[in-house]
Amino acid sequence: MTSAAVLMAESLYDRYMQAAAAHRAHGETCTRCSPDARCDTGLRLHESFTRLQDAYLRWQKQQRT
C-alpha cells in the first residue's frame, strides 16, 4: 500500500467519523428527528454519514482483496 493510499484512507475515515459525530449531535438536540423521520438538516446529515460510511467500507473491502 502506498503512502498516498494510506493518507486518502485516513482522510476518508476522518470525514466519515466527522459525519457520524455531526449526525449524532444533531439527533441529540433536534426535536423533529426520530429514527423513522428526519428534518431537512437531519436528512442531509444522515445521507452524508451513510454515503461516507459506504465509501469507507468499500475502501476497506478493496484493501482486503
PDB file of N, CA and C in Angstrom:
ATOM      1  N   MET A   1       0.844  -1.165   0.000  1.00  0.00           N
ATOM      2  CA  MET A   1       0.000   0.000   0.000  1.00  0.00           C
ATOM      3  C   MET A   1       0.896   1.235   0.000  1.00  0.00           C
ATOM      4  N   THR A   2       0.556   2.191  -0.834  1.00  0.00           N
ATOM      5  CA  THR A   2       1.362   3.401  -0.909  1.00  0.00           C
ATOM      6  C   THR A   2       0.968   4.377   0.185  1.00  0.00           C
ATOM      7  N   SER A   3       1.864   5.309   0.476  1.00  0.00           N
ATOM      8  CA  SER A   3       1.541   6.315   1.496  1.00  0.00           C
ATOM      9  C   SER A   3       0.380   7.186   1.053  1.00  0.00           C
ATOM     10  N   ALA A   4       0.230   7.412  -0.255  1.00  0.00           N
ATOM     11  CA  ALA A   4      -0.900   8.196  -0.754  1.00  0.00           C
ATOM     12  C   ALA A   4      -2.212   7.474  -0.456  1.00  0.00           C
ATOM     13  N   ALA A   5      -2.226   6.162  -0.600  1.00  0.00           N
ATOM     14  CA  ALA A   5      -3.436   5.395  -0.299  1.00  0.00           C
ATOM     15  C   ALA A   5      -3.757   5.455   1.186  1.00  0.00           C
ATOM     16  N   VAL A   6      -2.731   5.409   2.017  1.00  0.00           N
ATOM     17  CA  VAL A   6      -2.945   5.499   3.463  1.00  0.00           C
ATOM     18  C   VAL A   6      -3.502   6.873   3.814  1.00  0.00           C
ATOM     19  N   LEU A   7      -2.935   7.937   3.240  1.00  0.00           N
ATOM     20  CA  LEU A   7      -3.425   9.282   3.519  1.00  0.00           C
ATOM     21  C   LEU A   7      -4.862   9.453   3.064  1.00  0.00           C
ATOM     22  N   MET A   8      -5.202   8.914   1.903  1.00  0.00           N
ATOM     23  CA  MET A   8      -6.561   9.011   1.423  1.00  0.00           C
ATOM     24  C   MET A   8      -7.505   8.286   2.379  1.00  0.00           C
ATOM     25  N   ALA A   9      -7.108   7.105   2.842  1.00  0.00           N
ATOM     26  CA  ALA A   9      -7.943   6.335   3.744  1.00  0.00           C
ATOM     27  C   ALA A   9      -8.151   7.094   5.049  1.00  0.00           C
ATOM     28  N   GLU A  10      -7.097   7.679   5.577  1.00  0.00           N
ATOM     29  CA  GLU A  10      -7.229   8.447   6.811  1.00  0.00           C
ATOM     30  C   GLU A  10      -8.175   9.620   6.600  1.00  0.00           C
ATOM     31  N   SER A  11      -8.049  10.286   5.491  1.00  0.00           N
ATOM     32  CA  SER A  11      -8.909  11.416   5.189  1.00  0.00           C
ATOM     33  C   SER A  11     -10.364  10.960   5.055  1.00  0.00           C
ATOM     34  N   LEU A  12     -10.584   9.865   4.374  1.00  0.00           N
ATOM     35  CA  LEU A  12     -11.932   9.332   4.221  1.00  0.00           C
ATOM     36  C   LEU A  12     -12.477   8.895   5.569  1.00  0.00           C
ATOM     37  N   TYR A  13     -11.658   8.232   6.357  1.00  0.00           N
ATOM     38  CA  TYR A  13     -12.076   7.808   7.687  1.00  0.00           C
ATOM     39  C   TYR A  13     -12.412   9.014   8.561  1.00  0.00           C
ATOM     40  N   ASP A  14     -11.557  10.037   8.515  1.00  0.00           N
ATOM     41  CA  ASP A  14     -11.808  11.241   9.304  1.00  0.00           C
ATOM     42  C   ASP A  14     -13.130  11.900   8.899  1.00  0.00           C
ATOM     43  N   ARG A  15     -13.370  11.986   7.598  1.00  0.00           N
ATOM     44  CA  ARG A  15     -14.636  12.583   7.132  1.00  0.00           C
ATOM     45  C   ARG A  15     -15.820  11.739   7.565  1.00  0.00           C
ATOM     46  N   TYR A  16     -15.672  10.434   7.508  1.00  0.00           N
ATOM     47  CA  TYR A  16     -16.722   9.505   7.944  1.00  0.00           C
ATOM     48  C   TYR A  16     -17.018   9.701   9.429  1.00  0.00           C
ATOM     49  N   MET A  17     -15.967   9.791  10.244  1.00  0.00           N
ATOM     50  CA  MET A  17     -16.159   9.972  11.683  1.00  0.00           C
ATOM     51  C   MET A  17     -16.757  11.346  12.008  1.00  0.00           C
ATOM     52  N   GLN A  18     -16.356  12.371  11.272  1.00  0.00           N
ATOM     53  CA  GLN A  18     -16.922  13.706  11.477  1.00  0.00           C
ATOM     54  C   GLN A  18     -18.406  13.725  11.104  1.00  0.00           C
ATOM     55  N   ALA A  19     -18.756  13.040  10.023  1.00  0.00           N
ATOM     56  CA  ALA A  19     -20.158  12.965   9.612  1.00  0.00           C
ATOM     57  C   ALA A  19     -20.976  12.198  10.646  1.00  0.00           C
ATOM     58  N   ALA A  20     -20.411  11.146  11.195  1.00  0.00           N
ATOM     59  CA  ALA A  20     -21.110  10.373  12.229  1.00  0.00           C
ATOM     60  C   ALA A  20     -21.340  11.236  13.462  1.00  0.00           C
ATOM     61  N   ALA A  21     -20.325  11.997  13.864  1.00  0.00           N
ATOM     62  CA  ALA A  21     -20.445  12.859  15.044  1.00  0.00           C
ATOM     63  C   ALA A  21     -21.477  13.962  14.815  1.00  0.00           C
ATOM     64  N   ALA A  22     -21.481  14.558  13.633  1.00  0.00           N
ATOM     65  CA  ALA A  22     -22.453  15.609  13.321  1.00  0.00           C
ATOM     66  C   ALA A  22     -23.870  15.047  13.324  1.00  0.00           C
ATOM     67  N   HIS A  23     -24.040  13.878  12.745  1.00  0.00           N
ATOM     68  CA  HIS A  23     -25.348  13.225  12.708  1.00  0.00           C
ATOM     69  C   HIS A  23     -25.829  12.915  14.117  1.00  0.00           C
ATOM     70  N   ARG A  24     -24.954  12.381  14.937  1.00  0.00           N
ATOM     71  CA  ARG A  24     -25.284  12.054  16.327  1.00  0.00           C
ATOM     72  C   ARG A  24     -25.641  13.307  17.121  1.00  0.00           C
ATOM     73  N   ALA A  25     -24.831  14.353  16.999  1.00  0.00           N
ATOM     74  CA  ALA A  25     -25.057  15.594  17.740  1.00  0.00           C
ATOM     75  C   ALA A  25     -26.394  16.220  17.346  1.00  0.00           C
ATOM     76  N   HIS A  26     -26.698  16.210  16.060  1.00  0.00           N
ATOM     77  CA  HIS A  26     -27.979  16.766  15.610  1.00  0.00           C
ATOM     78  C   HIS A  26     -29.136  15.962  16.199  1.00  0.00           C
ATOM     79  N   GLY A  27     -29.026  14.652  16.168  1.00  0.00           N
ATOM     80  CA  GLY A  27     -30.088  13.795  16.690  1.00  0.00           C
ATOM     81  C   GLY A  27     -30.336  13.982  18.174  1.00  0.00           C
ATOM     82  N   GLU A  28     -29.299  14.386  18.904  1.00  0.00           N
ATOM     83  CA  GLU A  28     -29.445  14.598  20.345  1.00  0.00           C
ATOM     84  C   GLU A  28     -30.173  15.891  20.675  1.00  0.00           C
ATOM     85  N   THR A  29     -30.204  16.834  19.735  1.00  0.00           N
ATOM     86  CA  THR A  29     -30.808  18.134  20.030  1.00  0.00           C
ATOM     87  C   THR A  29     -32.058  18.444  19.217  1.00  0.00           C
ATOM     88  N   CYS A  30     -32.258  17.776  18.106  1.00  0.00           N
ATOM     89  CA  CYS A  30     -33.394  18.085  17.236  1.00  0.00           C
ATOM     90  C   CYS A  30     -34.660  17.400  17.751  1.00  0.00           C
ATOM     91  N   THR A  31     -35.683  18.188  17.954  1.00  0.00           N
ATOM     92  CA  THR A  31     -36.958  17.636  18.433  1.00  0.00           C
ATOM     93  C   THR A  31     -37.804  17.095  17.287  1.00  0.00           C
ATOM     94  N   ARG A  32     -37.431  17.396  16.056  1.00  0.00           N
ATOM     95  CA  ARG A  32     -38.211  16.935  14.898  1.00  0.00           C
ATOM     96  C   ARG A  32     -37.708  15.622  14.319  1.00  0.00           C
ATOM     97  N   CYS A  33     -36.497  15.211  14.692  1.00  0.00           N
ATOM     98  CA  CYS A  33     -35.918  13.987  14.136  1.00  0.00           C
ATOM     99  C   CYS A  33     -36.211  12.778  15.022  1.00  0.00           C
ATOM    100  N   SER A  34     -36.433  11.655  14.350  1.00  0.00           N
ATOM    101  CA  SER A  34     -36.580  10.356  15.012  1.00  0.00           C
ATOM    102  C   SER A  34     -35.942   9.327  14.083  1.00  0.00           C
ATOM    103  N   PRO A  35     -35.823   8.078  14.524  1.00  0.00           N
ATOM    104  CA  PRO A  35     -35.246   7.069  13.627  1.00  0.00           C
ATOM    105  C   PRO A  35     -36.053   6.872  12.335  1.00  0.00           C
ATOM    106  N   ASP A  36     -37.340   7.200  12.382  1.00  0.00           N
ATOM    107  CA  ASP A  36     -38.200   6.983  11.212  1.00  0.00           C
ATOM    108  C   ASP A  36     -38.448   8.227  10.379  1.00  0.00           C
ATOM    109  N   ALA A  37     -38.198   9.411  10.931  1.00  0.00           N
ATOM    110  CA  ALA A  37     -38.450  10.662  10.211  1.00  0.00           C
ATOM    111  C   ALA A  37     -37.383  11.677  10.597  1.00  0.00           C
ATOM    112  N   ARG A  38     -36.956  12.474   9.624  1.00  0.00           N
ATOM    113  CA  ARG A  38     -35.899  13.455   9.873  1.00  0.00           C
ATOM    114  C   ARG A  38     -36.290  14.803   9.295  1.00  0.00           C
ATOM    115  N   CYS A  39     -35.827  15.864   9.961  1.00  0.00           N
ATOM    116  CA  CYS A  39     -35.993  17.202   9.401  1.00  0.00           C
ATOM    117  C   CYS A  39     -35.031  17.330   8.210  1.00  0.00           C
ATOM    118  N   ASP A  40     -35.078  18.451   7.502  1.00  0.00           N
ATOM    119  CA  ASP A  40     -34.212  18.631   6.330  1.00  0.00           C
ATOM    120  C   ASP A  40     -32.730  18.527   6.690  1.00  0.00           C
ATOM    121  N   THR A  41     -32.340  19.158   7.777  1.00  0.00           N
ATOM    122  CA  THR A  41     -30.940  19.101   8.201  1.00  0.00           C
ATOM    123  C   THR A  41     -30.564  17.685   8.623  1.00  0.00           C
ATOM    124  N   GLY A  42     -31.445  17.048   9.389  1.00  0.00           N
ATOM    125  CA  GLY A  42     -31.193  15.674   9.820  1.00  0.00           C
ATOM    126  C   GLY A  42     -31.062  14.722   8.647  1.00  0.00           C
ATOM    127  N   LEU A  43     -31.910  14.923   7.637  1.00  0.00           N
ATOM    128  CA  LEU A  43     -31.851  14.084   6.437  1.00  0.00           C
ATOM    129  C   LEU A  43     -30.530  14.278   5.710  1.00  0.00           C
ATOM    130  N   ARG A  44     -30.109  15.544   5.565  1.00  0.00           N
ATOM    131  CA  ARG A  44     -28.838  15.830   4.891  1.00  0.00           C
ATOM    132  C   ARG A  44     -27.668  15.205   5.653  1.00  0.00           C
ATOM    133  N   LEU A  45     -27.662  15.341   6.974  1.00  0.00           N
ATOM    134  CA  LEU A  45     -26.581  14.772   7.783  1.00  0.00           C
ATOM    135  C   LEU A  45     -26.585  13.244   7.721  1.00  0.00           C
ATOM    136  N   HIS A  46     -27.755  12.647   7.746  1.00  0.00           N
ATOM    137  CA  HIS A  46     -27.862  11.181   7.669  1.00  0.00           C
ATOM    138  C   HIS A  46     -27.368  10.677   6.319  1.00  0.00           C
ATOM    139  N   GLU A  47     -27.765  11.354   5.250  1.00  0.00           N
ATOM    140  CA  GLU A  47     -27.320  10.941   3.915  1.00  0.00           C
ATOM    141  C   GLU A  47     -25.813  11.085   3.762  1.00  0.00           C
ATOM    142  N   SER A  48     -25.254  12.161   4.305  1.00  0.00           N
ATOM    143  CA  SER A  48     -23.804  12.356   4.244  1.00  0.00           C
ATOM    144  C   SER A  48     -23.083  11.250   5.018  1.00  0.00           C
ATOM    145  N   PHE A  49     -23.575  10.963   6.207  1.00  0.00           N
ATOM    146  CA  PHE A  49     -22.991   9.901   7.031  1.00  0.00           C
ATOM    147  C   PHE A  49     -23.047   8.551   6.311  1.00  0.00           C
ATOM    148  N   THR A  50     -24.214   8.181   5.781  1.00  0.00           N
ATOM    149  CA  THR A  50     -24.327   6.863   5.148  1.00  0.00           C
ATOM    150  C   THR A  50     -23.492   6.784   3.871  1.00  0.00           C
ATOM    151  N   ARG A  51     -23.415   7.886   3.123  1.00  0.00           N
ATOM    152  CA  ARG A  51     -22.610   7.885   1.892  1.00  0.00           C
ATOM    153  C   ARG A  51     -21.130   7.681   2.234  1.00  0.00           C
ATOM    154  N   LEU A  52     -20.648   8.388   3.250  1.00  0.00           N
ATOM    155  CA  LEU A  52     -19.247   8.244   3.649  1.00  0.00           C
ATOM    156  C   LEU A  52     -18.975   6.887   4.286  1.00  0.00           C
ATOM    157  N   GLN A  53     -19.924   6.391   5.043  1.00  0.00           N
ATOM    158  CA  GLN A  53     -19.760   5.061   5.645  1.00  0.00           C
ATOM    159  C   GLN A  53     -19.660   4.004   4.545  1.00  0.00           C
ATOM    160  N   ASP A  54     -20.534   4.075   3.565  1.00  0.00           N
ATOM    161  CA  ASP A  54     -20.491   3.117   2.455  1.00  0.00           C
ATOM    162  C   ASP A  54     -19.163   3.203   1.705  1.00  0.00           C
ATOM    163  N   ALA A  55     -18.697   4.430   1.458  1.00  0.00           N
ATOM    164  CA  ALA A  55     -17.423   4.609   0.747  1.00  0.00           C
ATOM    165  C   ALA A  55     -16.269   4.032   1.566  1.00  0.00           C
ATOM    166  N   TYR A  56     -16.268   4.278   2.851  1.00  0.00           N
ATOM    167  CA  TYR A  56     -15.188   3.759   3.703  1.00  0.00           C
ATOM    168  C   TYR A  56     -15.219   2.235   3.760  1.00  0.00           C
ATOM    169  N   LEU A  57     -16.396   1.654   3.895  1.00  0.00           N
ATOM    170  CA  LEU A  57     -16.492   0.194   3.951  1.00  0.00           C
ATOM    171  C   LEU A  57     -16.093  -0.437   2.617  1.00  0.00           C
ATOM    172  N   ARG A  58     -16.442   0.213   1.497  1.00  0.00           N
ATOM    173  CA  ARG A  58     -15.996  -0.280   0.181  1.00  0.00           C
ATOM    174  C   ARG A  58     -14.479  -0.227   0.097  1.00  0.00           C
ATOM    175  N   TRP A  59     -13.882   0.876   0.563  1.00  0.00           N
ATOM    176  CA  TRP A  59     -12.433   1.024   0.528  1.00  0.00           C
ATOM    177  C   TRP A  59     -11.774  -0.069   1.367  1.00  0.00           C
ATOM    178  N   GLN A  60     -12.301  -0.322   2.563  1.00  0.00           N
ATOM    179  CA  GLN A  60     -11.738  -1.377   3.423  1.00  0.00           C
ATOM    180  C   GLN A  60     -11.814  -2.731   2.730  1.00  0.00           C
ATOM    181  N   LYS A  61     -12.935  -3.022   2.122  1.00  0.00           N
ATOM    182  CA  LYS A  61     -13.100  -4.304   1.440  1.00  0.00           C
ATOM    183  C   LYS A  61     -12.091  -4.457   0.311  1.00  0.00           C
ATOM    184  N   GLN A  62     -11.858  -3.381  -0.437  1.00  0.00           N
ATOM    185  CA  GLN A  62     -10.884  -3.425  -1.529  1.00  0.00           C
ATOM    186  C   GLN A  62      -9.473  -3.677  -1.009  1.00  0.00           C
ATOM    187  N   GLN A  63      -9.168  -3.178   0.169  1.00  0.00           N
ATOM    188  CA  GLN A  63      -7.837  -3.350   0.731  1.00  0.00           C
ATOM    189  C   GLN A  63      -7.595  -4.798   1.151  1.00  0.00           C
ATOM    190  N   ARG A  64      -8.660  -5.513   1.462  1.00  0.00           N
ATOM    191  CA  ARG A  64      -8.519  -6.911   1.909  1.00  0.00           C
ATOM    192  C   ARG A  64      -8.387  -7.886   0.743  1.00  0.00           C
ATOM    193  N   THR A  65      -8.756  -7.457  -0.455  1.00  0.00           N
ATOM    194  CA  THR A  65      -8.697  -8.382  -1.583  1.00  0.00           C
ATOM    195  C   THR A  65      -7.416  -8.221  -2.370  1.00  0.00           C
TER     196      THR A  65
END
